[in-house]
Every structure is written in structure tokens, then in C-alpha cells.
Amino acid sequence: MKMWDRCQPGMYWQLAAFILFAVPSGLISERVGRKRMILIGLTGMTLLFSSGYFLIQNKISLWVVLLLTGVSWAFVNVNGLPLVFDYGDAKQSGTYTGLYYVAAQAAAVSGPVISGAVVQILGNNYRLLWAVSAVYVLLAWLALQGVKPRED
């Protein structure tokens, strides 16, 4: 059985969790704040990715981790662009939106390439992608610490 055959159902769980938690994520963020909601999601993803190397021993454990990652990703993704609008200047919202999407798409394009290189360098050990992913998410968490509300 190929790796894709084993992982694909887990990806469906992750997507389903994201869809189910997208609206609740937005609603909760209205009470606790978008930045805090994103930080909660990034913390969850960091913990899940960090422990993924050790926790994932079979299909079921993979699916559980992916499902929880989908929930955490909803907390991050749903609140990202609204945070840009909340903290940015209304006159430059188009510029900020463009910068947001440039960063997001740059990560979407470079992430798989960098991850593939890391896997090759580390002897085709795909399991290490969990640790590498944890580092990248932790860097995002640290970067968000520098985001401060605009002063009107």
C-alpha cells in the first residue's frame, strides 16, 4: 500500500474539521480577539506537529492528529485576513491584502519545495516533517508577537 493511500482519508478528516470549525472560530474570535485566536491555533498546531513524530503509529493516530490540526488551522486561517484589516490602515487595505496574499502564496509554493529538500537531506525520513512543521509554525507564533494594534 502506498503512503498516499494511507494518508488521504486523514486529509479528509482535516478538511472536515476545518470546515466545521471555520464559523465557530470566527464567532469565538469576536469575543476573545483575532490575534489571541490565531495564537491559540498556532499553539495547537505547534504541539500537534511536535508530538506527531511520537504519537503517530498507525492510521487512526494519524487521522486524529490531522483532525485536530484541521481545528487549529481553522483558528488561524479564518482570522488571518480580518486581523490584517483590524490592525491595518483602512486607506491601505488593498495594499495590506496584497501583501497578506503574497506571503501566504509564497509559503504555499516554497513550503513543499523546502520540505522535500529537508526530507532528502535527512535520508528520506518523512516522519521528520512533523518536527520541521512545528518549527515553522513556532516561527509564525513568534512573528505574531510583534503585531501591535494600530494607533488611531
Protein backbone atom coordinates (compact mmCIF):
# COMPACT_ATOMS: atom_id res chain seq x y z
CA MET A 1 0.00 0.00 0.00
CA LYS A 2 1.34 3.44 -0.94
CA MET A 3 1.75 6.26 1.56
CA TRP A 4 -0.90 8.35 -0.25
CA ASP A 5 -3.46 5.55 0.12
CA ARG A 6 -2.95 5.62 3.87
CA CYS A 7 -2.91 9.40 4.29
CA GLN A 8 -5.71 10.52 2.00
CA PRO A 9 -8.60 9.68 4.38
CA GLY A 10 -6.79 11.60 7.12
CA MET A 11 -6.66 14.64 4.88
CA TYR A 12 -10.44 14.41 4.54
CA TRP A 13 -10.75 14.46 8.34
CA GLN A 14 -8.52 17.52 8.47
CA LEU A 15 -10.57 19.30 5.82
CA ALA A 16 -13.85 18.34 7.51
CA ALA A 17 -12.59 19.65 10.86
CA PHE A 18 -11.52 22.91 9.21
CA ILE A 19 -14.94 23.35 7.58
CA LEU A 20 -16.82 22.52 10.78
CA PHE A 21 -14.74 24.92 12.89
CA ALA A 22 -14.44 27.82 10.43
CA VAL A 23 -17.60 29.64 11.52
CA PRO A 24 -17.21 28.88 15.26
CA SER A 25 -13.64 30.17 15.01
CA GLY A 26 -14.86 33.49 13.69
CA LEU A 27 -17.58 33.72 16.31
CA ILE A 28 -15.24 32.89 19.19
CA SER A 29 -12.65 35.38 17.93
CA GLU A 30 -15.22 38.16 18.23
CA ARG A 31 -15.18 37.53 21.98
CA VAL A 32 -11.52 36.68 22.63
CA GLY A 33 -9.87 38.64 19.82
CA ARG A 34 -8.50 37.56 16.46
CA LYS A 35 -4.85 37.69 17.47
CA ARG A 36 -5.50 35.54 20.54
CA MET A 37 -7.49 33.07 18.42
CA ILE A 38 -4.65 32.81 15.90
CA LEU A 39 -2.16 32.29 18.73
CA ILE A 40 -4.35 29.51 20.16
CA GLY A 41 -4.43 27.84 16.75
CA LEU A 42 -0.68 28.19 16.24
CA THR A 43 -0.05 26.81 19.73
CA GLY A 44 -2.26 23.82 18.97
CA MET A 45 -0.50 23.21 15.67
CA THR A 46 2.94 23.51 17.26
CA LEU A 47 2.01 20.99 19.93
CA LEU A 48 0.39 18.61 17.44
CA PHE A 49 3.28 18.78 14.97
CA SER A 50 5.86 18.46 17.74
CA SER A 51 4.18 15.40 19.17
CA GLY A 52 3.23 13.97 15.77
CA TYR A 53 6.63 12.37 15.40
CA PHE A 54 5.99 10.30 18.52
CA LEU A 55 2.20 9.95 18.54
CA ILE A 56 1.56 8.74 15.03
CA GLN A 57 1.95 4.97 14.99
CA ASN A 58 -0.97 3.91 12.77
CA LYS A 59 -3.73 5.25 10.54
CA ILE A 60 -6.06 6.09 13.40
CA SER A 61 -3.48 8.15 15.30
CA LEU A 62 -2.60 9.95 12.04
CA TRP A 63 -6.26 10.74 11.43
CA VAL A 64 -6.74 12.05 14.98
CA VAL A 65 -3.72 14.34 14.71
CA LEU A 66 -4.86 15.58 11.29
CA LEU A 67 -8.39 16.18 12.58
CA LEU A 68 -7.10 18.28 15.49
CA THR A 69 -4.74 20.08 13.14
CA GLY A 70 -7.75 20.99 10.99
CA VAL A 71 -9.42 22.59 14.01
CA SER A 72 -6.26 24.52 14.86
CA TRP A 73 -5.83 25.61 11.25
CA ALA A 74 -9.39 26.99 11.22
CA PHE A 75 -8.47 29.15 14.20
CA VAL A 76 -5.51 30.55 12.26
CA ASN A 77 -6.77 30.78 8.70
CA VAL A 78 -10.22 32.23 9.34
CA ASN A 79 -8.82 35.08 11.42
CA GLY A 80 -5.73 35.99 9.40
CA LEU A 81 -7.13 38.42 6.85
CA PRO A 82 -9.61 40.02 9.30
CA LEU A 83 -6.65 40.65 11.62
CA VAL A 84 -4.90 42.48 8.78
CA PHE A 85 -7.96 44.72 8.42
CA ASP A 86 -8.29 45.23 12.18
CA TYR A 87 -4.67 46.26 12.62
CA GLY A 88 -4.07 47.96 9.28
CA ASP A 89 -4.89 51.38 7.92
CA ALA A 90 -8.27 51.43 6.12
CA LYS A 91 -6.82 53.61 3.35
CA GLN A 92 -4.22 50.97 2.54
CA SER A 93 -6.38 47.87 2.97
CA GLY A 94 -5.79 46.85 -0.66
CA THR A 95 -2.04 47.01 -0.20
CA TYR A 96 -2.20 45.05 3.06
CA THR A 97 -4.46 42.45 1.47
CA GLY A 98 -2.00 42.08 -1.39
CA LEU A 99 0.93 41.68 0.99
CA TYR A 100 -1.02 39.14 3.02
CA TYR A 101 -1.72 37.03 -0.06
CA VAL A 102 1.84 37.37 -1.40
CA ALA A 103 3.16 35.99 1.89
CA ALA A 104 0.55 33.22 2.00
CA GLN A 105 1.17 32.12 -1.59
CA ALA A 106 4.95 32.34 -1.20
CA ALA A 107 4.65 29.95 1.73
CA ALA A 108 2.31 27.66 -0.23
CA VAL A 109 4.80 27.47 -3.10
CA SER A 110 8.07 27.33 -1.16
CA GLY A 111 6.87 25.10 1.70
CA PRO A 112 6.65 21.86 -0.28
CA VAL A 113 9.96 22.55 -2.04
CA ILE A 114 11.79 23.26 1.21
CA SER A 115 10.13 20.30 2.93
CA GLY A 116 11.08 18.00 0.06
CA ALA A 117 14.69 19.17 0.27
CA VAL A 118 14.72 18.60 4.03
CA VAL A 119 13.34 15.08 3.58
CA GLN A 120 16.05 14.27 1.03
CA ILE A 121 18.82 15.76 3.16
CA LEU A 122 17.64 13.78 6.19
CA GLY A 123 17.67 10.47 4.34
CA ASN A 124 14.07 10.29 3.09
CA ASN A 125 12.69 10.28 6.62
CA TYR A 126 9.22 11.75 6.07
CA ARG A 127 8.42 11.45 9.76
CA LEU A 128 10.77 14.37 10.43
CA LEU A 129 8.39 16.66 8.54
CA TRP A 130 6.35 16.83 11.73
CA ALA A 131 9.29 18.40 13.58
CA VAL A 132 10.13 20.72 10.68
CA SER A 133 6.50 21.84 10.50
CA ALA A 134 6.49 22.52 14.24
CA VAL A 135 9.50 24.83 13.80
CA TYR A 136 7.79 26.80 11.02
CA VAL A 137 4.57 27.17 13.00
CA LEU A 138 6.53 28.24 16.06
CA LEU A 139 8.24 30.90 13.92
CA ALA A 140 4.79 32.14 12.85
CA TRP A 141 3.76 32.27 16.52
CA LEU A 142 6.87 34.32 17.34
CA ALA A 143 6.31 36.66 14.38
CA LEU A 144 2.75 37.32 15.52
CA GLN A 145 4.09 38.53 18.88
CA GLY A 146 5.37 41.61 17.05
CA VAL A 147 1.93 42.53 15.67
CA LYS A 148 0.62 45.51 17.56
CA PRO A 149 -2.75 47.27 17.21
CA ARG A 150 -2.73 50.42 15.14
CA GLU A 151 -2.83 53.69 16.98
CA ASP A 152 -5.55 55.99 15.65
